[in-house]
Amino acid sequence: MRRQNQTVEEAYGSGFIDLFSNTIALLLFFLFIFVMFQFLLNYKLSTTTKQQASFEVLHKENLKKQQEIALLQNRINQLSSNMNNKESELTSYKDQIDKYNQVIASLEGKIIENDSLLNQENLTKTAMKGRIQELTNEISKLSIILENDRVEMLKRDVEIVELGKQLNRALANKTADLMEVRSQFFQELNSSIGSEEAIEKKGDRFVLQGELLFAPGSDNIGLNGKKELDKVATILKNIIQKIPENIDWIVRVDGHTDNVPLSKTNTRFKDNFDLSYARARAVVTYLTQKGVPAKYLVPTGFGEYQPLAPNDTPAHRKYNRRIEFQLTNP
């Protein structure tokens, strides 16, 4: 394609050069004729006067020829100008052809690049097909493994369900045993408490008022409180002898207070929560001193956060200051 473009350019330039050369030769020929004609005319005029009239005629023709020569000269100038314009156009055409050649070269490079990319893509597709086949084989193997695992899991689920049933039966038996122990505990408690007003039974627990055991803001057990705790220790030691050893149980000792903040002079405790736990721990310590095994006693403190009544009156606040005993699971 580039050779064809160069051939067109050369033919186009050669045509303009031949045209220009022929035009110049023609004009030179006319000038030569005119000069010869002028020479002969002058010769004839100098040899005879008779030819004066003819000279005038020739002079007029000469003037006419000069006009024609002027016209030809103008034409030559126009042709020269046109030729210059054509040469400019030819140069512009050459520039455009060069640009087209550059575009063609760029397109050819892109074609080569695209061919290379297509080859790479084909290689990549081939590799991907191989990888897909490998993954398909691995998935098949995994499916077999998963199916085996699923069967194994179903077997284990059956075993787990059976174990769960056994556990539920065991828990039901333990719960029943614990309920029986709790029933014995409260029977023993009722027979020991009798009409004792200091100890109050509430559902599955019994309660000792805080004023009976402790002074305000203190965890030291008073004499009257120790007398009541002696009764509790006796009840617990009796019930321990009657409960089978295979039954897990504890007595949770819960400390509770009202919502009145501690005095600023009381630096031993940070707040009511700290005070409630200290009181429960003091009760547990006293009961262990009276022979109750420590493994059956767990102290907890709830502070002011589980009141039995709103802390809006002195009577209600007194009611909320308490120690509770509850027989429960560990």
C-alpha atoms as a PDB file:
ATOM      1  CA  MET A   1       0.000   0.000   0.000  1.00  0.00           C
ATOM      2  CA  ARG A   2       2.882   2.379   0.816  1.00  0.00           C
ATOM      3  CA  ARG A   3       4.521   1.676  -2.602  1.00  0.00           C
ATOM      4  CA  GLN A   4       1.234   2.444  -4.367  1.00  0.00           C
ATOM      5  CA  ASN A   5       0.985   5.774  -2.520  1.00  0.00           C
ATOM      6  CA  GLN A   6       4.582   6.673  -3.465  1.00  0.00           C
ATOM      7  CA  THR A   7       3.927   5.800  -7.151  1.00  0.00           C
ATOM      8  CA  VAL A   8       0.845   8.061  -7.189  1.00  0.00           C
ATOM      9  CA  GLU A   9       2.838  10.890  -5.645  1.00  0.00           C
ATOM     10  CA  GLU A  10       5.656  10.543  -8.240  1.00  0.00           C
ATOM     11  CA  ALA A  11       3.235  10.376 -11.208  1.00  0.00           C
ATOM     12  CA  TYR A  12       1.330  13.394  -9.915  1.00  0.00           C
ATOM     13  CA  GLY A  13       4.559  15.463  -9.568  1.00  0.00           C
ATOM     14  CA  SER A  14       5.976  14.406 -12.918  1.00  0.00           C
ATOM     15  CA  GLY A  15       2.781  15.442 -14.725  1.00  0.00           C
ATOM     16  CA  PHE A  16       2.951  18.969 -13.295  1.00  0.00           C
ATOM     17  CA  ILE A  17       6.640  19.325 -14.199  1.00  0.00           C
ATOM     18  CA  ASP A  18       6.072  18.172 -17.823  1.00  0.00           C
ATOM     19  CA  LEU A  19       3.161  20.595 -18.199  1.00  0.00           C
ATOM     20  CA  PHE A  20       5.259  23.455 -16.906  1.00  0.00           C
ATOM     21  CA  SER A  21       8.212  22.583 -19.205  1.00  0.00           C
ATOM     22  CA  ASN A  22       6.022  22.350 -22.308  1.00  0.00           C
ATOM     23  CA  THR A  23       4.405  25.688 -21.531  1.00  0.00           C
ATOM     24  CA  ILE A  24       7.820  27.418 -21.179  1.00  0.00           C
ATOM     25  CA  ALA A  25       9.052  25.881 -24.455  1.00  0.00           C
ATOM     26  CA  LEU A  26       5.924  27.089 -26.278  1.00  0.00           C
ATOM     27  CA  LEU A  27       6.364  30.612 -24.977  1.00  0.00           C
ATOM     28  CA  LEU A  28      10.044  30.642 -25.977  1.00  0.00           C
ATOM     29  CA  PHE A  29       9.046  29.526 -29.453  1.00  0.00           C
ATOM     30  CA  PHE A  30       6.550  32.361 -29.725  1.00  0.00           C
ATOM     31  CA  LEU A  31       9.158  34.825 -28.529  1.00  0.00           C
ATOM     32  CA  PHE A  32      11.614  33.547 -31.124  1.00  0.00           C
ATOM     33  CA  ILE A  33       9.025  33.965 -33.899  1.00  0.00           C
ATOM     34  CA  PHE A  34       8.248  37.434 -32.698  1.00  0.00           C
ATOM     35  CA  VAL A  35      11.905  38.456 -32.667  1.00  0.00           C
ATOM     36  CA  MET A  36      12.456  37.134 -36.193  1.00  0.00           C
ATOM     37  CA  PHE A  37       9.341  38.820 -37.350  1.00  0.00           C
ATOM     38  CA  GLN A  38      10.465  42.072 -35.822  1.00  0.00           C
ATOM     39  CA  PHE A  39      13.873  41.742 -37.454  1.00  0.00           C
ATOM     40  CA  LEU A  40      12.443  41.135 -40.917  1.00  0.00           C
ATOM     41  CA  LEU A  41       9.975  43.932 -40.474  1.00  0.00           C
ATOM     42  CA  ASN A  42      12.670  46.386 -39.552  1.00  0.00           C
ATOM     43  CA  TYR A  43      14.766  45.230 -42.510  1.00  0.00           C
ATOM     44  CA  LYS A  44      11.985  45.808 -44.951  1.00  0.00           C
ATOM     45  CA  LEU A  45      11.182  49.237 -43.496  1.00  0.00           C
ATOM     46  CA  SER A  46      14.792  50.305 -43.846  1.00  0.00           C
ATOM     47  CA  THR A  47      15.087  49.215 -47.491  1.00  0.00           C
ATOM     48  CA  THR A  48      12.013  50.891 -48.865  1.00  0.00           C
ATOM     49  CA  THR A  49       9.676  53.684 -48.011  1.00  0.00           C
ATOM     50  CA  LYS A  50       7.013  52.032 -50.002  1.00  0.00           C
ATOM     51  CA  GLN A  51       6.665  49.592 -47.361  1.00  0.00           C
ATOM     52  CA  GLN A  52       5.762  52.367 -44.817  1.00  0.00           C
ATOM     53  CA  ALA A  53       2.139  51.574 -44.996  1.00  0.00           C
ATOM     54  CA  SER A  54       2.885  47.905 -44.554  1.00  0.00           C
ATOM     55  CA  PHE A  55       5.105  48.785 -41.615  1.00  0.00           C
ATOM     56  CA  GLU A  56       2.293  50.638 -39.935  1.00  0.00           C
ATOM     57  CA  VAL A  57       0.131  47.638 -40.466  1.00  0.00           C
ATOM     58  CA  LEU A  58       2.876  45.423 -39.122  1.00  0.00           C
ATOM     59  CA  HIS A  59       3.353  47.840 -36.253  1.00  0.00           C
ATOM     60  CA  LYS A  60      -0.287  47.482 -35.379  1.00  0.00           C
ATOM     61  CA  GLU A  61       0.080  43.744 -35.659  1.00  0.00           C
ATOM     62  CA  ASN A  62       3.202  44.030 -33.530  1.00  0.00           C
ATOM     63  CA  LEU A  63       1.237  45.897 -30.909  1.00  0.00           C
ATOM     64  CA  LYS A  64      -1.402  43.258 -31.142  1.00  0.00           C
ATOM     65  CA  LYS A  65       1.214  40.565 -30.798  1.00  0.00           C
ATOM     66  CA  GLN A  66       2.682  42.400 -27.820  1.00  0.00           C
ATOM     67  CA  GLN A  67      -0.759  42.433 -26.246  1.00  0.00           C
ATOM     68  CA  GLU A  68      -1.006  38.754 -26.950  1.00  0.00           C
ATOM     69  CA  ILE A  69       2.464  38.273 -25.484  1.00  0.00           C
ATOM     70  CA  ALA A  70       1.364  40.218 -22.403  1.00  0.00           C
ATOM     71  CA  LEU A  71      -1.685  38.012 -22.151  1.00  0.00           C
ATOM     72  CA  LEU A  72       0.542  34.976 -22.555  1.00  0.00           C
ATOM     73  CA  GLN A  73       2.856  36.342 -19.910  1.00  0.00           C
ATOM     74  CA  ASN A  74      -0.111  36.782 -17.569  1.00  0.00           C
ATOM     75  CA  ARG A  75      -1.172  33.276 -18.412  1.00  0.00           C
ATOM     76  CA  ILE A  76       2.348  32.053 -17.657  1.00  0.00           C
ATOM     77  CA  ASN A  77       2.224  33.882 -14.326  1.00  0.00           C
ATOM     78  CA  GLN A  78      -1.157  32.339 -13.576  1.00  0.00           C
ATOM     79  CA  LEU A  79       0.161  28.908 -14.516  1.00  0.00           C
ATOM     80  CA  SER A  80       3.208  29.479 -12.320  1.00  0.00           C
ATOM     81  CA  SER A  81       0.957  30.561  -9.461  1.00  0.00           C
ATOM     82  CA  ASN A  82      -1.301  27.575 -10.053  1.00  0.00           C
ATOM     83  CA  MET A  83       1.730  25.344 -10.185  1.00  0.00           C
ATOM     84  CA  ASN A  84       2.938  26.747  -6.851  1.00  0.00           C
ATOM     85  CA  ASN A  85      -0.513  26.151  -5.438  1.00  0.00           C
ATOM     86  CA  LYS A  86      -0.470  22.628  -6.845  1.00  0.00           C
ATOM     87  CA  GLU A  87       2.934  22.075  -5.312  1.00  0.00           C
ATOM     88  CA  SER A  88       1.542  23.291  -1.955  1.00  0.00           C
ATOM     89  CA  GLU A  89      -1.409  20.980  -2.413  1.00  0.00           C
ATOM     90  CA  LEU A  90       0.970  18.201  -3.372  1.00  0.00           C
ATOM     91  CA  THR A  91       2.975  18.859  -0.196  1.00  0.00           C
ATOM     92  CA  SER A  92      -0.259  18.823   1.806  1.00  0.00           C
ATOM     93  CA  TYR A  93      -1.256  15.576   0.084  1.00  0.00           C
ATOM     94  CA  LYS A  94       2.132  14.129   0.963  1.00  0.00           C
ATOM     95  CA  ASP A  95       1.655  15.146   4.605  1.00  0.00           C
ATOM     96  CA  GLN A  96      -1.787  13.569   4.611  1.00  0.00           C
ATOM     97  CA  ILE A  97      -0.400  10.438   2.981  1.00  0.00           C
ATOM     98  CA  ASP A  98       2.304  10.309   5.681  1.00  0.00           C
ATOM     99  CA  LYS A  99      -0.363  10.632   8.351  1.00  0.00           C
ATOM    100  CA  TYR A 100      -2.399   7.885   6.702  1.00  0.00           C
ATOM    101  CA  ASN A 101       0.705   5.732   6.564  1.00  0.00           C
ATOM    102  CA  GLN A 102       1.251   6.349  10.285  1.00  0.00           C
ATOM    103  CA  VAL A 103      -2.375   5.419  11.001  1.00  0.00           C
ATOM    104  CA  ILE A 104      -1.975   2.303   8.873  1.00  0.00           C
ATOM    105  CA  ALA A 105       1.221   1.407  10.726  1.00  0.00           C
ATOM    106  CA  SER A 106      -0.544   1.954  14.050  1.00  0.00           C
ATOM    107  CA  LEU A 107      -3.475  -0.198  12.951  1.00  0.00           C
ATOM    108  CA  GLU A 108      -1.121  -2.905  11.748  1.00  0.00           C
ATOM    109  CA  GLY A 109       0.614  -2.820  15.166  1.00  0.00           C
ATOM    110  CA  LYS A 110      -2.741  -3.096  16.918  1.00  0.00           C
ATOM    111  CA  ILE A 111      -3.690  -6.001  14.681  1.00  0.00           C
ATOM    112  CA  ILE A 112      -0.462  -7.762  15.618  1.00  0.00           C
ATOM    113  CA  GLU A 113      -1.071  -6.953  19.291  1.00  0.00           C
ATOM    114  CA  ASN A 114      -4.661  -8.221  19.095  1.00  0.00           C
ATOM    115  CA  ASP A 115      -3.445 -11.409  17.437  1.00  0.00           C
ATOM    116  CA  SER A 116      -0.979 -11.868  20.304  1.00  0.00           C
ATOM    117  CA  LEU A 117      -3.722 -11.229  22.861  1.00  0.00           C
ATOM    118  CA  LEU A 118      -6.006 -13.694  21.115  1.00  0.00           C
ATOM    119  CA  ASN A 119      -3.276 -16.313  21.237  1.00  0.00           C
ATOM    120  CA  GLN A 120      -2.708 -15.644  24.940  1.00  0.00           C
ATOM    121  CA  GLU A 121      -6.464 -15.751  25.568  1.00  0.00           C
ATOM    122  CA  ASN A 122      -6.693 -19.081  23.784  1.00  0.00           C
ATOM    123  CA  LEU A 123      -3.849 -20.408  25.923  1.00  0.00           C
ATOM    124  CA  THR A 124      -5.571 -19.023  29.026  1.00  0.00           C
ATOM    125  CA  LYS A 125      -8.872 -20.632  28.041  1.00  0.00           C
ATOM    126  CA  THR A 126      -7.111 -23.942  27.569  1.00  0.00           C
ATOM    127  CA  ALA A 127      -5.473 -23.625  30.995  1.00  0.00           C
ATOM    128  CA  MET A 128      -8.799 -22.607  32.553  1.00  0.00           C
ATOM    129  CA  LYS A 129     -10.540 -25.610  31.033  1.00  0.00           C
ATOM    130  CA  GLY A 130      -7.890 -27.834  32.564  1.00  0.00           C
ATOM    131  CA  ARG A 131      -8.247 -26.098  35.928  1.00  0.00           C
ATOM    132  CA  ILE A 132     -12.048 -26.377  35.756  1.00  0.00           C
ATOM    133  CA  GLN A 133     -11.726 -30.085  35.122  1.00  0.00           C
ATOM    134  CA  GLU A 134      -9.388 -30.395  38.102  1.00  0.00           C
ATOM    135  CA  LEU A 135     -11.831 -28.463  40.303  1.00  0.00           C
ATOM    136  CA  THR A 136     -14.704 -30.621  39.042  1.00  0.00           C
ATOM    137  CA  ASN A 137     -12.792 -33.729  40.044  1.00  0.00           C
ATOM    138  CA  GLU A 138     -12.015 -32.226  43.468  1.00  0.00           C
ATOM    139  CA  ILE A 139     -15.692 -31.264  43.935  1.00  0.00           C
ATOM    140  CA  SER A 140     -16.703 -34.831  43.113  1.00  0.00           C
ATOM    141  CA  LYS A 141     -14.265 -36.136  45.714  1.00  0.00           C
ATOM    142  CA  LEU A 142     -15.511 -33.585  48.267  1.00  0.00           C
ATOM    143  CA  SER A 143     -19.113 -34.542  47.523  1.00  0.00           C
ATOM    144  CA  ILE A 144     -18.310 -38.162  48.316  1.00  0.00           C
ATOM    145  CA  ILE A 145     -16.538 -37.095  51.527  1.00  0.00           C
ATOM    146  CA  LEU A 146     -19.454 -34.818  52.494  1.00  0.00           C
ATOM    147  CA  GLU A 147     -21.954 -37.576  51.873  1.00  0.00           C
ATOM    148  CA  ASN A 148     -19.955 -39.905  54.097  1.00  0.00           C
ATOM    149  CA  ASP A 149     -19.729 -37.171  56.741  1.00  0.00           C
ATOM    150  CA  ARG A 150     -23.483 -36.553  56.442  1.00  0.00           C
ATOM    151  CA  VAL A 151     -24.206 -40.214  57.073  1.00  0.00           C
ATOM    152  CA  GLU A 152     -21.811 -40.176  60.008  1.00  0.00           C
ATOM    153  CA  MET A 153     -23.430 -36.993  61.361  1.00  0.00           C
ATOM    154  CA  LEU A 154     -26.870 -38.574  61.113  1.00  0.00           C
ATOM    155  CA  LYS A 155     -25.578 -41.474  63.178  1.00  0.00           C
ATOM    156  CA  ARG A 156     -24.097 -39.059  65.687  1.00  0.00           C
ATOM    157  CA  ASP A 157     -27.347 -37.029  65.748  1.00  0.00           C
ATOM    158  CA  VAL A 158     -29.196 -40.199  66.683  1.00  0.00           C
ATOM    159  CA  GLU A 159     -26.639 -40.848  69.412  1.00  0.00           C
ATOM    160  CA  ILE A 160     -26.859 -37.220  70.607  1.00  0.00           C
ATOM    161  CA  VAL A 161     -30.659 -37.401  70.721  1.00  0.00           C
ATOM    162  CA  GLU A 162     -30.435 -40.579  72.742  1.00  0.00           C
ATOM    163  CA  LEU A 163     -27.833 -39.031  75.054  1.00  0.00           C
ATOM    164  CA  GLY A 164     -30.039 -35.970  75.388  1.00  0.00           C
ATOM    165  CA  LYS A 165     -32.949 -38.143  76.389  1.00  0.00           C
ATOM    166  CA  GLN A 166     -30.786 -39.914  78.909  1.00  0.00           C
ATOM    167  CA  LEU A 167     -29.527 -36.567  80.224  1.00  0.00           C
ATOM    168  CA  ASN A 168     -33.063 -35.222  80.470  1.00  0.00           C
ATOM    169  CA  ARG A 169     -34.114 -38.302  82.359  1.00  0.00           C
ATOM    170  CA  ALA A 170     -31.137 -37.911  84.668  1.00  0.00           C
ATOM    171  CA  LEU A 171     -31.890 -34.221  85.164  1.00  0.00           C
ATOM    172  CA  ALA A 172     -35.532 -35.017  85.760  1.00  0.00           C
ATOM    173  CA  ASN A 173     -34.506 -37.573  88.353  1.00  0.00           C
ATOM    174  CA  LYS A 174     -32.092 -35.107  89.961  1.00  0.00           C
ATOM    175  CA  THR A 175     -34.739 -32.394  89.879  1.00  0.00           C
ATOM    176  CA  ALA A 176     -37.211 -34.739  91.486  1.00  0.00           C
ATOM    177  CA  ASP A 177     -34.602 -35.684  94.079  1.00  0.00           C
ATOM    178  CA  LEU A 178     -33.840 -32.016  94.673  1.00  0.00           C
ATOM    179  CA  MET A 179     -37.541 -31.220  95.009  1.00  0.00           C
ATOM    180  CA  GLU A 180     -37.809 -34.010  97.551  1.00  0.00           C
ATOM    181  CA  VAL A 181     -34.774 -32.664  99.403  1.00  0.00           C
ATOM    182  CA  ARG A 182     -36.225 -29.165  99.275  1.00  0.00           C
ATOM    183  CA  SER A 183     -39.523 -30.503 100.624  1.00  0.00           C
ATOM    184  CA  GLN A 184     -37.657 -32.209 103.487  1.00  0.00           C
ATOM    185  CA  PHE A 185     -35.699 -29.009 104.022  1.00  0.00           C
ATOM    186  CA  PHE A 186     -38.830 -26.914 104.455  1.00  0.00           C
ATOM    187  CA  GLN A 187     -40.508 -29.548 106.604  1.00  0.00           C
ATOM    188  CA  GLU A 188     -37.476 -29.478 108.854  1.00  0.00           C
ATOM    189  CA  LEU A 189     -37.486 -25.681 108.726  1.00  0.00           C
ATOM    190  CA  ASN A 190     -41.178 -25.395 109.583  1.00  0.00           C
ATOM    191  CA  SER A 191     -40.858 -27.764 112.507  1.00  0.00           C
ATOM    192  CA  SER A 192     -37.853 -25.822 113.821  1.00  0.00           C
ATOM    193  CA  ILE A 193     -39.223 -22.330 113.201  1.00  0.00           C
ATOM    194  CA  GLY A 194     -42.681 -22.948 114.542  1.00  0.00           C
ATOM    195  CA  SER A 195     -44.214 -19.560 115.319  1.00  0.00           C
ATOM    196  CA  GLU A 196     -40.861 -17.747 115.219  1.00  0.00           C
ATOM    197  CA  GLU A 197     -41.575 -14.286 113.803  1.00  0.00           C
ATOM    198  CA  ALA A 198     -37.927 -13.478 113.064  1.00  0.00           C
ATOM    199  CA  ILE A 199     -37.715 -16.074 110.300  1.00  0.00           C
ATOM    200  CA  GLU A 200     -40.150 -15.581 107.427  1.00  0.00           C
ATOM    201  CA  LYS A 201     -40.843 -18.171 104.739  1.00  0.00           C
ATOM    202  CA  LYS A 202     -41.281 -16.841 101.157  1.00  0.00           C
ATOM    203  CA  GLY A 203     -41.909 -19.436  98.459  1.00  0.00           C
ATOM    204  CA  ASP A 204     -38.788 -21.591  98.029  1.00  0.00           C
ATOM    205  CA  ARG A 205     -36.676 -19.603 100.502  1.00  0.00           C
ATOM    206  CA  PHE A 206     -36.753 -18.214 104.045  1.00  0.00           C
ATOM    207  CA  VAL A 207     -35.761 -14.728 105.141  1.00  0.00           C
ATOM    208  CA  LEU A 208     -34.090 -13.110 108.153  1.00  0.00           C
ATOM    209  CA  GLN A 209     -34.507  -9.368 108.519  1.00  0.00           C
ATOM    210  CA  GLY A 210     -31.304  -7.341 108.434  1.00  0.00           C
ATOM    211  CA  GLU A 211     -31.988  -5.502 111.724  1.00  0.00           C
ATOM    212  CA  LEU A 212     -32.101  -8.873 113.508  1.00  0.00           C
ATOM    213  CA  LEU A 213     -28.568  -9.699 112.353  1.00  0.00           C
ATOM    214  CA  PHE A 214     -26.662  -6.451 111.758  1.00  0.00           C
ATOM    215  CA  ALA A 215     -26.376  -2.860 112.932  1.00  0.00           C
ATOM    216  CA  PRO A 216     -26.861  -0.156 110.234  1.00  0.00           C
ATOM    217  CA  GLY A 217     -23.910  -0.039 107.796  1.00  0.00           C
ATOM    218  CA  SER A 218     -22.185  -3.017 109.472  1.00  0.00           C
ATOM    219  CA  ASP A 219     -21.512  -6.693 108.660  1.00  0.00           C
ATOM    220  CA  ASN A 220     -20.935  -7.712 112.304  1.00  0.00           C
ATOM    221  CA  ILE A 221     -23.568 -10.223 113.457  1.00  0.00           C
ATOM    222  CA  GLY A 222     -25.298  -9.262 116.762  1.00  0.00           C
ATOM    223  CA  LEU A 223     -26.209 -11.594 119.643  1.00  0.00           C
ATOM    224  CA  ASN A 224     -29.849 -11.940 118.592  1.00  0.00           C
ATOM    225  CA  GLY A 225     -28.778 -12.662 115.041  1.00  0.00           C
ATOM    226  CA  LYS A 226     -26.390 -15.368 116.165  1.00  0.00           C
ATOM    227  CA  LYS A 227     -29.225 -17.062 118.098  1.00  0.00           C
ATOM    228  CA  GLU A 228     -31.340 -17.224 114.936  1.00  0.00           C
ATOM    229  CA  LEU A 229     -28.382 -18.412 112.838  1.00  0.00           C
ATOM    230  CA  ASP A 230     -27.768 -21.185 115.392  1.00  0.00           C
ATOM    231  CA  LYS A 231     -31.242 -22.475 114.555  1.00  0.00           C
ATOM    232  CA  VAL A 232     -30.455 -22.317 110.843  1.00  0.00           C
ATOM    233  CA  ALA A 233     -27.161 -24.188 111.398  1.00  0.00           C
ATOM    234  CA  THR A 234     -28.986 -26.944 113.305  1.00  0.00           C
ATOM    235  CA  ILE A 235     -31.566 -27.277 110.511  1.00  0.00           C
ATOM    236  CA  LEU A 236     -28.858 -27.498 107.843  1.00  0.00           C
ATOM    237  CA  LYS A 237     -26.800 -30.088 109.724  1.00  0.00           C
ATOM    238  CA  ASN A 238     -29.888 -32.248 110.202  1.00  0.00           C
ATOM    239  CA  ILE A 239     -30.951 -32.020 106.574  1.00  0.00           C
ATOM    240  CA  ILE A 240     -27.423 -32.830 105.324  1.00  0.00           C
ATOM    241  CA  GLN A 241     -27.615 -36.221 107.083  1.00  0.00           C
ATOM    242  CA  LYS A 242     -30.858 -37.051 105.265  1.00  0.00           C
ATOM    243  CA  ILE A 243     -29.870 -35.975 101.731  1.00  0.00           C
ATOM    244  CA  PRO A 244     -28.221 -38.727  99.586  1.00  0.00           C
ATOM    245  CA  GLU A 245     -24.642 -37.997  98.630  1.00  0.00           C
ATOM    246  CA  ASN A 246     -25.338 -38.402  94.882  1.00  0.00           C
ATOM    247  CA  ILE A 247     -27.576 -35.291  94.898  1.00  0.00           C
ATOM    248  CA  ASP A 248     -25.852 -31.973  94.161  1.00  0.00           C
ATOM    249  CA  TRP A 249     -27.276 -29.064  96.131  1.00  0.00           C
ATOM    250  CA  ILE A 250     -26.263 -25.825  97.859  1.00  0.00           C
ATOM    251  CA  VAL A 251     -27.820 -23.208 100.082  1.00  0.00           C
ATOM    252  CA  ARG A 252     -27.380 -19.796  98.494  1.00  0.00           C
ATOM    253  CA  VAL A 253     -27.111 -17.014 101.062  1.00  0.00           C
ATOM    254  CA  ASP A 254     -28.274 -13.732  99.464  1.00  0.00           C
ATOM    255  CA  GLY A 255     -27.582 -10.313 100.992  1.00  0.00           C
ATOM    256  CA  HIS A 256     -29.962  -7.381 100.227  1.00  0.00           C
ATOM    257  CA  THR A 257     -30.067  -3.686 101.284  1.00  0.00           C
ATOM    258  CA  ASP A 258     -32.317  -0.687 100.792  1.00  0.00           C
ATOM    259  CA  ASN A 259     -31.430   2.251  98.511  1.00  0.00           C
ATOM    260  CA  VAL A 260     -30.161   4.628 101.206  1.00  0.00           C
ATOM    261  CA  PRO A 261     -26.497   5.518 100.451  1.00  0.00           C
ATOM    262  CA  LEU A 262     -23.858   4.626 103.023  1.00  0.00           C
ATOM    263  CA  SER A 263     -22.648   7.298 105.419  1.00  0.00           C
ATOM    264  CA  LYS A 264     -19.563   9.203 104.239  1.00  0.00           C
ATOM    265  CA  THR A 265     -17.855   8.160 107.465  1.00  0.00           C
ATOM    266  CA  ASN A 266     -18.318   4.498 106.537  1.00  0.00           C
ATOM    267  CA  THR A 267     -15.106   3.917 104.579  1.00  0.00           C
ATOM    268  CA  ARG A 268     -15.106   0.124 104.932  1.00  0.00           C
ATOM    269  CA  PHE A 269     -17.613  -0.461 102.126  1.00  0.00           C
ATOM    270  CA  LYS A 270     -17.763   1.221  98.727  1.00  0.00           C
ATOM    271  CA  ASP A 271     -21.555   0.997  98.351  1.00  0.00           C
ATOM    272  CA  ASN A 272     -24.644  -1.025  99.274  1.00  0.00           C
ATOM    273  CA  PHE A 273     -23.656  -3.756  96.817  1.00  0.00           C
ATOM    274  CA  ASP A 274     -20.369  -4.257  98.644  1.00  0.00           C
ATOM    275  CA  LEU A 275     -22.169  -4.181 102.012  1.00  0.00           C
ATOM    276  CA  SER A 276     -24.762  -6.797 100.957  1.00  0.00           C
ATOM    277  CA  TYR A 277     -22.070  -9.257  99.866  1.00  0.00           C
ATOM    278  CA  ALA A 278     -20.065  -8.692 103.057  1.00  0.00           C
ATOM    279  CA  ARG A 279     -23.149  -9.496 105.180  1.00  0.00           C
ATOM    280  CA  ALA A 280     -23.864 -12.710 103.188  1.00  0.00           C
ATOM    281  CA  ARG A 281     -20.247 -13.757 103.572  1.00  0.00           C
ATOM    282  CA  ALA A 282     -20.378 -13.062 107.333  1.00  0.00           C
ATOM    283  CA  VAL A 283     -23.440 -15.348 107.643  1.00  0.00           C
ATOM    284  CA  VAL A 284     -21.687 -18.135 105.697  1.00  0.00           C
ATOM    285  CA  THR A 285     -18.602 -17.788 107.880  1.00  0.00           C
ATOM    286  CA  TYR A 286     -20.689 -18.052 111.089  1.00  0.00           C
ATOM    287  CA  LEU A 287     -22.587 -21.104 109.819  1.00  0.00           C
ATOM    288  CA  THR A 288     -19.351 -22.923 108.928  1.00  0.00           C
ATOM    289  CA  GLN A 289     -18.069 -22.114 112.418  1.00  0.00           C
ATOM    290  CA  LYS A 290     -21.187 -23.864 113.725  1.00  0.00           C
ATOM    291  CA  GLY A 291     -20.372 -27.062 111.790  1.00  0.00           C
ATOM    292  CA  VAL A 292     -22.141 -26.574 108.450  1.00  0.00           C
ATOM    293  CA  PRO A 293     -19.794 -27.772 105.641  1.00  0.00           C
ATOM    294  CA  ALA A 294     -18.632 -24.800 103.534  1.00  0.00           C
ATOM    295  CA  LYS A 295     -19.179 -26.696 100.255  1.00  0.00           C
ATOM    296  CA  TYR A 296     -22.945 -26.390 100.769  1.00  0.00           C
ATOM    297  CA  LEU A 297     -22.916 -22.591 101.310  1.00  0.00           C
ATOM    298  CA  VAL A 298     -22.490 -19.862  98.647  1.00  0.00           C
ATOM    299  CA  PRO A 299     -22.649 -16.123  99.560  1.00  0.00           C
ATOM    300  CA  THR A 300     -24.018 -13.611  97.028  1.00  0.00           C
ATOM    301  CA  GLY A 301     -24.813  -9.899  97.237  1.00  0.00           C
ATOM    302  CA  PHE A 302     -27.529  -8.009  95.347  1.00  0.00           C
ATOM    303  CA  GLY A 303     -27.318  -4.605  97.037  1.00  0.00           C
ATOM    304  CA  GLU A 304     -30.447  -2.521  96.531  1.00  0.00           C
ATOM    305  CA  TYR A 305     -31.326  -3.983  93.117  1.00  0.00           C
ATOM    306  CA  GLN A 306     -33.845  -6.707  94.045  1.00  0.00           C
ATOM    307  CA  PRO A 307     -36.232  -5.082  96.543  1.00  0.00           C
ATOM    308  CA  LEU A 308     -39.344  -6.828  97.795  1.00  0.00           C
ATOM    309  CA  ALA A 309     -41.154  -3.480  98.046  1.00  0.00           C
ATOM    310  CA  PRO A 310     -40.597   0.069  96.766  1.00  0.00           C
ATOM    311  CA  ASN A 311     -38.002   1.973  98.798  1.00  0.00           C
ATOM    312  CA  ASP A 312     -40.430   4.829  99.407  1.00  0.00           C
ATOM    313  CA  THR A 313     -41.174   4.488 103.155  1.00  0.00           C
ATOM    314  CA  PRO A 314     -39.125   3.524 106.227  1.00  0.00           C
ATOM    315  CA  ALA A 315     -41.225   0.350 106.635  1.00  0.00           C
ATOM    316  CA  HIS A 316     -40.595  -0.711 103.035  1.00  0.00           C
ATOM    317  CA  ARG A 317     -36.873   0.000 103.306  1.00  0.00           C
ATOM    318  CA  LYS A 318     -36.728  -2.098 106.503  1.00  0.00           C
ATOM    319  CA  TYR A 319     -38.534  -4.886 104.666  1.00  0.00           C
ATOM    320  CA  ASN A 320     -35.920  -4.810 101.865  1.00  0.00           C
ATOM    321  CA  ARG A 321     -32.926  -5.087 104.235  1.00  0.00           C
ATOM    322  CA  ARG A 322     -32.668  -8.875 104.586  1.00  0.00           C
ATOM    323  CA  ILE A 323     -30.730 -12.150 104.327  1.00  0.00           C
ATOM    324  CA  GLU A 324     -32.346 -14.891 102.229  1.00  0.00           C
ATOM    325  CA  PHE A 325     -31.599 -18.646 102.256  1.00  0.00           C
ATOM    326  CA  GLN A 326     -32.463 -20.712  99.176  1.00  0.00           C
ATOM    327  CA  LEU A 327     -31.791 -24.423  98.560  1.00  0.00           C
ATOM    328  CA  THR A 328     -30.934 -24.791  94.846  1.00  0.00           C
ATOM    329  CA  ASN A 329     -28.675 -26.456  92.280  1.00  0.00           C
ATOM    330  CA  PRO A 330     -24.952 -25.642  92.318  1.00  0.00           C
END
